[in-house]
Amino acid sequence: MSNQHSDKSHSPWDDRTLALAGMFQSSLLVQQLATSGHLNQGDLHTAIHSLFEQNPATISDVYGDNTKILAGLTQLCDTLKRVNTPNGNDIVRYVMGMVHLQKKLMKQPDMLNTIGKRIEQAQRQAELFDPTHENVVASLADIYTSTISTFSFRIQVNGDYNYLQQSRIANQIRVLLFAGIRSSILWRQVGGSRLQVILQRKQLISSAEILIKQAKEQQLRS
């Protein structure tokens, strides 16, 4: 995973908001998958694509257009406004766990290097199949299990045991957590910090609202 990022098409606040939304979208999808067993393949594709983009020139390279991150932007905005949403506490807990694991991961350059190389292998596999193919998802999940999951701290996912015990769903959850940690790395790279979320919440809300409006206008045009 690269530590480099530059984006001239967004303001720094837009970049930080989108990266935060990436974390919230991954967390929201983990919650949905763990409790319903269902996941939109387009959302899974967005998460996997964000992992494959290791050296993005712009933040748009990571997530695609804003419509693909709209769910995360909406969840982020609701959370910052302290709107009660279903399973909102779990979603925030997953985000905080991603930030914590990101900090641990950034202190392990050898592990980061291993992850980068293995993601490249999974990307070549995706070219033969499809990014959301079960084999590709399993490969990415295995990267997560053999690296990040070896830390003493782990994100505990709440949900229906009947879903969580299924290997396909468990692998998808690992990939989503992996993508969330990737977004957390991106968030740090564009100048994001936990203090900003507390002290500059209004700025983040404003940025999220503008990006949500743009995404909805984009949906109407398409």
C-alpha atoms as a PDB file:
ATOM      1  CA  MET A   1       0.000   0.000   0.000  1.00  0.00           C
ATOM      2  CA  SER A   2       1.449   3.308  -1.077  1.00  0.00           C
ATOM      3  CA  ASN A   3       1.973   6.293   1.212  1.00  0.00           C
ATOM      4  CA  GLN A   4       1.755   8.719  -1.696  1.00  0.00           C
ATOM      5  CA  HIS A   5      -1.295  10.642  -2.755  1.00  0.00           C
ATOM      6  CA  SER A   6      -2.008  13.867  -4.581  1.00  0.00           C
ATOM      7  CA  ASP A   7      -5.296  15.260  -5.792  1.00  0.00           C
ATOM      8  CA  LYS A   8      -5.742  18.639  -7.427  1.00  0.00           C
ATOM      9  CA  SER A   9      -9.400  18.192  -8.320  1.00  0.00           C
ATOM     10  CA  HIS A  10     -10.688  18.335  -4.724  1.00  0.00           C
ATOM     11  CA  SER A  11     -10.108  20.607  -1.772  1.00  0.00           C
ATOM     12  CA  PRO A  12      -8.275  18.998   1.164  1.00  0.00           C
ATOM     13  CA  TRP A  13     -11.594  18.864   3.038  1.00  0.00           C
ATOM     14  CA  ASP A  14     -13.285  17.035   0.161  1.00  0.00           C
ATOM     15  CA  ASP A  15     -10.431  14.515   0.139  1.00  0.00           C
ATOM     16  CA  ARG A  16     -10.644  13.951   3.885  1.00  0.00           C
ATOM     17  CA  THR A  17     -14.427  13.659   3.747  1.00  0.00           C
ATOM     18  CA  LEU A  18     -14.317  11.108   0.926  1.00  0.00           C
ATOM     19  CA  ALA A  19     -11.678   9.010   2.693  1.00  0.00           C
ATOM     20  CA  LEU A  20     -13.729   9.089   5.908  1.00  0.00           C
ATOM     21  CA  ALA A  21     -16.793   8.130   3.855  1.00  0.00           C
ATOM     22  CA  GLY A  22     -14.805   5.175   2.531  1.00  0.00           C
ATOM     23  CA  MET A  23     -14.376   3.935   6.100  1.00  0.00           C
ATOM     24  CA  PHE A  24     -18.032   4.510   6.931  1.00  0.00           C
ATOM     25  CA  GLN A  25     -19.180   2.765   3.751  1.00  0.00           C
ATOM     26  CA  SER A  26     -17.049  -0.300   4.500  1.00  0.00           C
ATOM     27  CA  SER A  27     -18.377  -0.347   8.072  1.00  0.00           C
ATOM     28  CA  LEU A  28     -21.976   0.063   6.920  1.00  0.00           C
ATOM     29  CA  LEU A  29     -21.558  -2.809   4.453  1.00  0.00           C
ATOM     30  CA  VAL A  30     -19.994  -5.028   7.141  1.00  0.00           C
ATOM     31  CA  GLN A  31     -23.005  -4.335   9.343  1.00  0.00           C
ATOM     32  CA  GLN A  32     -25.481  -5.047   6.528  1.00  0.00           C
ATOM     33  CA  LEU A  33     -23.735  -8.242   5.470  1.00  0.00           C
ATOM     34  CA  ALA A  34     -23.354  -9.553   9.028  1.00  0.00           C
ATOM     35  CA  THR A  35     -27.019  -8.980   9.868  1.00  0.00           C
ATOM     36  CA  SER A  36     -28.762  -9.750   6.554  1.00  0.00           C
ATOM     37  CA  GLY A  37     -26.313 -11.921   4.605  1.00  0.00           C
ATOM     38  CA  HIS A  38     -26.811  -9.600   1.627  1.00  0.00           C
ATOM     39  CA  LEU A  39     -24.323  -7.364  -0.154  1.00  0.00           C
ATOM     40  CA  ASN A  40     -24.695  -5.386  -3.367  1.00  0.00           C
ATOM     41  CA  GLN A  41     -22.029  -6.606  -5.805  1.00  0.00           C
ATOM     42  CA  GLY A  42     -21.438  -3.057  -7.025  1.00  0.00           C
ATOM     43  CA  ASP A  43     -20.544  -1.991  -3.469  1.00  0.00           C
ATOM     44  CA  LEU A  44     -18.210  -4.964  -3.109  1.00  0.00           C
ATOM     45  CA  HIS A  45     -16.598  -4.024  -6.436  1.00  0.00           C
ATOM     46  CA  THR A  46     -15.996  -0.463  -5.163  1.00  0.00           C
ATOM     47  CA  ALA A  47     -14.335  -1.815  -1.995  1.00  0.00           C
ATOM     48  CA  ILE A  48     -12.083  -4.199  -3.935  1.00  0.00           C
ATOM     49  CA  HIS A  49     -11.207  -1.529  -6.487  1.00  0.00           C
ATOM     50  CA  SER A  50     -10.064   0.731  -3.624  1.00  0.00           C
ATOM     51  CA  LEU A  51      -7.636  -1.997  -2.523  1.00  0.00           C
ATOM     52  CA  PHE A  52      -6.260  -2.456  -6.017  1.00  0.00           C
ATOM     53  CA  GLU A  53      -5.570   1.286  -6.420  1.00  0.00           C
ATOM     54  CA  GLN A  54      -2.293   1.349  -4.501  1.00  0.00           C
ATOM     55  CA  ASN A  55      -0.770   4.411  -6.178  1.00  0.00           C
ATOM     56  CA  PRO A  56      -3.686   6.759  -6.927  1.00  0.00           C
ATOM     57  CA  ALA A  57      -3.117  10.066  -8.665  1.00  0.00           C
ATOM     58  CA  THR A  58      -6.437  11.393  -7.356  1.00  0.00           C
ATOM     59  CA  ILE A  59      -8.953  10.319  -4.762  1.00  0.00           C
ATOM     60  CA  SER A  60     -11.397   9.591  -7.588  1.00  0.00           C
ATOM     61  CA  ASP A  61      -9.034   6.822  -8.705  1.00  0.00           C
ATOM     62  CA  VAL A  62      -9.686   5.069  -5.394  1.00  0.00           C
ATOM     63  CA  TYR A  63     -13.481   5.180  -5.223  1.00  0.00           C
ATOM     64  CA  GLY A  64     -14.626   6.113  -8.709  1.00  0.00           C
ATOM     65  CA  ASP A  65     -17.281   8.816  -8.966  1.00  0.00           C
ATOM     66  CA  ASN A  66     -19.072  10.061  -5.846  1.00  0.00           C
ATOM     67  CA  THR A  67     -22.197   7.991  -6.555  1.00  0.00           C
ATOM     68  CA  LYS A  68     -20.199   4.878  -5.617  1.00  0.00           C
ATOM     69  CA  ILE A  69     -19.433   6.280  -2.186  1.00  0.00           C
ATOM     70  CA  LEU A  70     -22.843   7.910  -1.574  1.00  0.00           C
ATOM     71  CA  ALA A  71     -23.903   5.416   1.114  1.00  0.00           C
ATOM     72  CA  GLY A  72     -20.719   6.129   3.045  1.00  0.00           C
ATOM     73  CA  LEU A  73     -21.102   9.890   2.665  1.00  0.00           C
ATOM     74  CA  THR A  74     -24.689   9.689   3.942  1.00  0.00           C
ATOM     75  CA  GLN A  75     -23.738   7.502   6.919  1.00  0.00           C
ATOM     76  CA  LEU A  76     -20.828   9.814   7.750  1.00  0.00           C
ATOM     77  CA  CYS A  77     -23.049  12.897   7.572  1.00  0.00           C
ATOM     78  CA  ASP A  78     -25.736  11.305   9.769  1.00  0.00           C
ATOM     79  CA  THR A  79     -23.116  10.222  12.318  1.00  0.00           C
ATOM     80  CA  LEU A  80     -21.520  13.678  12.483  1.00  0.00           C
ATOM     81  CA  LYS A  81     -24.985  15.231  12.906  1.00  0.00           C
ATOM     82  CA  ARG A  82     -25.642  12.673  15.651  1.00  0.00           C
ATOM     83  CA  VAL A  83     -28.675  11.297  13.826  1.00  0.00           C
ATOM     84  CA  ASN A  84     -29.707   7.911  15.220  1.00  0.00           C
ATOM     85  CA  THR A  85     -29.321   5.290  12.496  1.00  0.00           C
ATOM     86  CA  PRO A  86     -29.865   1.502  12.646  1.00  0.00           C
ATOM     87  CA  ASN A  87     -26.826  -0.174  14.234  1.00  0.00           C
ATOM     88  CA  GLY A  88     -25.054   3.195  14.221  1.00  0.00           C
ATOM     89  CA  ASN A  89     -23.004   2.327  17.307  1.00  0.00           C
ATOM     90  CA  ASP A  90     -21.600  -0.797  15.635  1.00  0.00           C
ATOM     91  CA  ILE A  91     -20.723   1.161  12.501  1.00  0.00           C
ATOM     92  CA  VAL A  92     -18.832   3.803  14.511  1.00  0.00           C
ATOM     93  CA  ARG A  93     -17.068   1.053  16.478  1.00  0.00           C
ATOM     94  CA  TYR A  94     -15.926  -0.601  13.232  1.00  0.00           C
ATOM     95  CA  VAL A  95     -14.604   2.745  11.952  1.00  0.00           C
ATOM     96  CA  MET A  96     -12.671   3.313  15.182  1.00  0.00           C
ATOM     97  CA  GLY A  97     -11.282  -0.203  14.936  1.00  0.00           C
ATOM     98  CA  MET A  98     -10.115   0.462  11.367  1.00  0.00           C
ATOM     99  CA  VAL A  99      -8.305   3.624  12.498  1.00  0.00           C
ATOM    100  CA  HIS A 100      -6.653   1.709  15.351  1.00  0.00           C
ATOM    101  CA  LEU A 101      -5.488  -1.111  13.052  1.00  0.00           C
ATOM    102  CA  GLN A 102      -4.260   1.387  10.462  1.00  0.00           C
ATOM    103  CA  LYS A 103      -1.998   2.971  13.085  1.00  0.00           C
ATOM    104  CA  LYS A 104      -0.599  -0.436  14.003  1.00  0.00           C
ATOM    105  CA  LEU A 105      -0.111  -1.372  10.359  1.00  0.00           C
ATOM    106  CA  MET A 106       1.794   1.831   9.506  1.00  0.00           C
ATOM    107  CA  LYS A 107       4.406   0.830  12.107  1.00  0.00           C
ATOM    108  CA  GLN A 108       5.019  -2.447  10.239  1.00  0.00           C
ATOM    109  CA  PRO A 109       6.759  -1.569   6.917  1.00  0.00           C
ATOM    110  CA  ASP A 110       7.570  -5.211   6.160  1.00  0.00           C
ATOM    111  CA  MET A 111       3.918  -6.175   6.554  1.00  0.00           C
ATOM    112  CA  LEU A 112       2.869  -3.245   4.348  1.00  0.00           C
ATOM    113  CA  ASN A 113       5.309  -4.410   1.688  1.00  0.00           C
ATOM    114  CA  THR A 114       3.977  -7.969   1.877  1.00  0.00           C
ATOM    115  CA  ILE A 115       0.400  -6.720   1.600  1.00  0.00           C
ATOM    116  CA  GLY A 116       1.281  -4.607  -1.442  1.00  0.00           C
ATOM    117  CA  LYS A 117       2.884  -7.526  -3.270  1.00  0.00           C
ATOM    118  CA  ARG A 118       0.054  -9.910  -2.485  1.00  0.00           C
ATOM    119  CA  ILE A 119      -2.562  -7.367  -3.577  1.00  0.00           C
ATOM    120  CA  GLU A 120      -0.764  -7.202  -6.936  1.00  0.00           C
ATOM    121  CA  GLN A 121      -1.094 -10.990  -7.202  1.00  0.00           C
ATOM    122  CA  ALA A 122      -4.806 -10.797  -6.403  1.00  0.00           C
ATOM    123  CA  GLN A 123      -5.194  -8.076  -9.010  1.00  0.00           C
ATOM    124  CA  ARG A 124      -3.707 -10.336 -11.670  1.00  0.00           C
ATOM    125  CA  GLN A 125      -6.141 -13.010 -10.544  1.00  0.00           C
ATOM    126  CA  ALA A 126      -8.996 -10.501 -10.916  1.00  0.00           C
ATOM    127  CA  GLU A 127      -7.955  -9.882 -14.521  1.00  0.00           C
ATOM    128  CA  LEU A 128      -8.538 -13.584 -15.243  1.00  0.00           C
ATOM    129  CA  PHE A 129     -11.874 -13.770 -13.429  1.00  0.00           C
ATOM    130  CA  ASP A 130     -13.630 -10.643 -12.101  1.00  0.00           C
ATOM    131  CA  PRO A 131     -12.831  -8.421  -9.103  1.00  0.00           C
ATOM    132  CA  THR A 132     -15.824  -9.767  -7.158  1.00  0.00           C
ATOM    133  CA  HIS A 133     -15.251 -13.425  -8.107  1.00  0.00           C
ATOM    134  CA  GLU A 134     -15.256 -15.770  -5.124  1.00  0.00           C
ATOM    135  CA  ASN A 135     -11.611 -16.779  -5.741  1.00  0.00           C
ATOM    136  CA  VAL A 136     -10.437 -13.147  -5.767  1.00  0.00           C
ATOM    137  CA  VAL A 137     -12.431 -12.349  -2.615  1.00  0.00           C
ATOM    138  CA  ALA A 138     -10.922 -15.421  -0.922  1.00  0.00           C
ATOM    139  CA  SER A 139      -7.405 -14.319  -1.910  1.00  0.00           C
ATOM    140  CA  LEU A 140      -7.901 -10.817  -0.515  1.00  0.00           C
ATOM    141  CA  ALA A 141      -9.486 -12.211   2.650  1.00  0.00           C
ATOM    142  CA  ASP A 142      -6.460 -14.479   3.102  1.00  0.00           C
ATOM    143  CA  ILE A 143      -4.129 -11.472   2.875  1.00  0.00           C
ATOM    144  CA  TYR A 144      -6.116  -9.808   5.653  1.00  0.00           C
ATOM    145  CA  THR A 145      -6.137 -12.975   7.791  1.00  0.00           C
ATOM    146  CA  SER A 146      -2.405 -13.643   7.489  1.00  0.00           C
ATOM    147  CA  THR A 147      -1.317 -10.036   8.115  1.00  0.00           C
ATOM    148  CA  ILE A 148      -3.652  -7.573   9.839  1.00  0.00           C
ATOM    149  CA  SER A 149      -5.546 -10.295  11.721  1.00  0.00           C
ATOM    150  CA  THR A 150      -2.305 -11.313  13.457  1.00  0.00           C
ATOM    151  CA  PHE A 151      -2.412  -8.140  15.583  1.00  0.00           C
ATOM    152  CA  SER A 152      -3.629  -8.655  19.159  1.00  0.00           C
ATOM    153  CA  PHE A 153      -6.467  -6.189  18.511  1.00  0.00           C
ATOM    154  CA  ARG A 154      -9.247  -7.436  16.235  1.00  0.00           C
ATOM    155  CA  ILE A 155     -12.521  -5.896  15.142  1.00  0.00           C
ATOM    156  CA  GLN A 156     -15.365  -7.930  16.615  1.00  0.00           C
ATOM    157  CA  VAL A 157     -18.249  -8.050  14.139  1.00  0.00           C
ATOM    158  CA  ASN A 158     -21.795  -8.344  15.507  1.00  0.00           C
ATOM    159  CA  GLY A 159     -24.392 -10.132  13.430  1.00  0.00           C
ATOM    160  CA  ASP A 160     -26.361 -13.292  12.762  1.00  0.00           C
ATOM    161  CA  TYR A 161     -24.250 -16.369  13.481  1.00  0.00           C
ATOM    162  CA  ASN A 162     -25.911 -18.235  10.615  1.00  0.00           C
ATOM    163  CA  TYR A 163     -24.375 -15.706   8.226  1.00  0.00           C
ATOM    164  CA  LEU A 164     -21.075 -15.140  10.016  1.00  0.00           C
ATOM    165  CA  GLN A 165     -20.206 -18.849   9.963  1.00  0.00           C
ATOM    166  CA  GLN A 166     -20.496 -19.030   6.153  1.00  0.00           C
ATOM    167  CA  SER A 167     -17.025 -18.861   4.609  1.00  0.00           C
ATOM    168  CA  ARG A 168     -18.205 -16.772   1.628  1.00  0.00           C
ATOM    169  CA  ILE A 169     -19.731 -14.120   3.889  1.00  0.00           C
ATOM    170  CA  ALA A 170     -16.804 -14.229   6.328  1.00  0.00           C
ATOM    171  CA  ASN A 171     -14.404 -13.621   3.428  1.00  0.00           C
ATOM    172  CA  GLN A 172     -16.463 -10.697   2.146  1.00  0.00           C
ATOM    173  CA  ILE A 173     -16.492  -9.165   5.642  1.00  0.00           C
ATOM    174  CA  ARG A 174     -12.686  -9.469   5.844  1.00  0.00           C
ATOM    175  CA  VAL A 175     -12.346  -7.767   2.451  1.00  0.00           C
ATOM    176  CA  LEU A 176     -14.628  -4.922   3.574  1.00  0.00           C
ATOM    177  CA  LEU A 177     -12.625  -4.445   6.788  1.00  0.00           C
ATOM    178  CA  PHE A 178      -9.455  -4.517   4.669  1.00  0.00           C
ATOM    179  CA  ALA A 179     -10.888  -1.827   2.376  1.00  0.00           C
ATOM    180  CA  GLY A 180     -11.891   0.256   5.392  1.00  0.00           C
ATOM    181  CA  ILE A 181      -8.333   0.156   6.729  1.00  0.00           C
ATOM    182  CA  ARG A 182      -7.117   1.148   3.264  1.00  0.00           C
ATOM    183  CA  SER A 183      -9.465   4.173   3.448  1.00  0.00           C
ATOM    184  CA  SER A 184      -8.079   4.968   6.897  1.00  0.00           C
ATOM    185  CA  ILE A 185      -4.551   5.026   5.454  1.00  0.00           C
ATOM    186  CA  LEU A 186      -5.789   7.320   2.688  1.00  0.00           C
ATOM    187  CA  TRP A 187      -7.465   9.554   5.286  1.00  0.00           C
ATOM    188  CA  ARG A 188      -4.149  10.002   7.095  1.00  0.00           C
ATOM    189  CA  GLN A 189      -2.337  10.663   3.819  1.00  0.00           C
ATOM    190  CA  VAL A 190      -4.647  13.567   2.943  1.00  0.00           C
ATOM    191  CA  GLY A 191      -4.233  15.137   6.375  1.00  0.00           C
ATOM    192  CA  GLY A 192      -7.099  13.567   8.303  1.00  0.00           C
ATOM    193  CA  SER A 193      -6.965  13.232  12.090  1.00  0.00           C
ATOM    194  CA  ARG A 194      -9.281  12.223  14.922  1.00  0.00           C
ATOM    195  CA  LEU A 195      -8.985  15.727  16.382  1.00  0.00           C
ATOM    196  CA  GLN A 196     -10.482  17.183  13.187  1.00  0.00           C
ATOM    197  CA  VAL A 197     -13.563  15.004  13.585  1.00  0.00           C
ATOM    198  CA  ILE A 198     -14.108  16.559  17.016  1.00  0.00           C
ATOM    199  CA  LEU A 199     -13.000  20.171  16.483  1.00  0.00           C
ATOM    200  CA  GLN A 200     -13.937  20.664  12.820  1.00  0.00           C
ATOM    201  CA  ARG A 201     -17.099  18.592  12.657  1.00  0.00           C
ATOM    202  CA  LYS A 202     -19.098  21.411  11.018  1.00  0.00           C
ATOM    203  CA  GLN A 203     -16.554  21.681   8.203  1.00  0.00           C
ATOM    204  CA  LEU A 204     -16.779  17.924   7.578  1.00  0.00           C
ATOM    205  CA  ILE A 205     -20.593  18.036   7.621  1.00  0.00           C
ATOM    206  CA  SER A 206     -20.594  20.909   5.126  1.00  0.00           C
ATOM    207  CA  SER A 207     -18.188  19.072   2.828  1.00  0.00           C
ATOM    208  CA  ALA A 208     -20.209  15.838   3.099  1.00  0.00           C
ATOM    209  CA  GLU A 209     -23.473  17.639   2.297  1.00  0.00           C
ATOM    210  CA  ILE A 210     -21.963  19.210  -0.839  1.00  0.00           C
ATOM    211  CA  LEU A 211     -20.543  15.868  -1.998  1.00  0.00           C
ATOM    212  CA  ILE A 212     -23.887  14.118  -1.344  1.00  0.00           C
ATOM    213  CA  LYS A 213     -25.689  16.769  -3.390  1.00  0.00           C
ATOM    214  CA  GLN A 214     -23.187  16.336  -6.241  1.00  0.00           C
ATOM    215  CA  ALA A 215     -23.578  12.552  -6.149  1.00  0.00           C
ATOM    216  CA  LYS A 216     -27.371  12.748  -6.257  1.00  0.00           C
ATOM    217  CA  GLU A 217     -27.238  15.186  -9.186  1.00  0.00           C
ATOM    218  CA  GLN A 218     -24.865  12.785 -10.908  1.00  0.00           C
ATOM    219  CA  GLN A 219     -27.327   9.923 -10.369  1.00  0.00           C
ATOM    220  CA  LEU A 220     -30.128  11.956 -11.936  1.00  0.00           C
ATOM    221  CA  ARG A 221     -28.018  12.686 -15.016  1.00  0.00           C
ATOM    222  CA  SER A 222     -27.033   9.061 -15.551  1.00  0.00           C
END
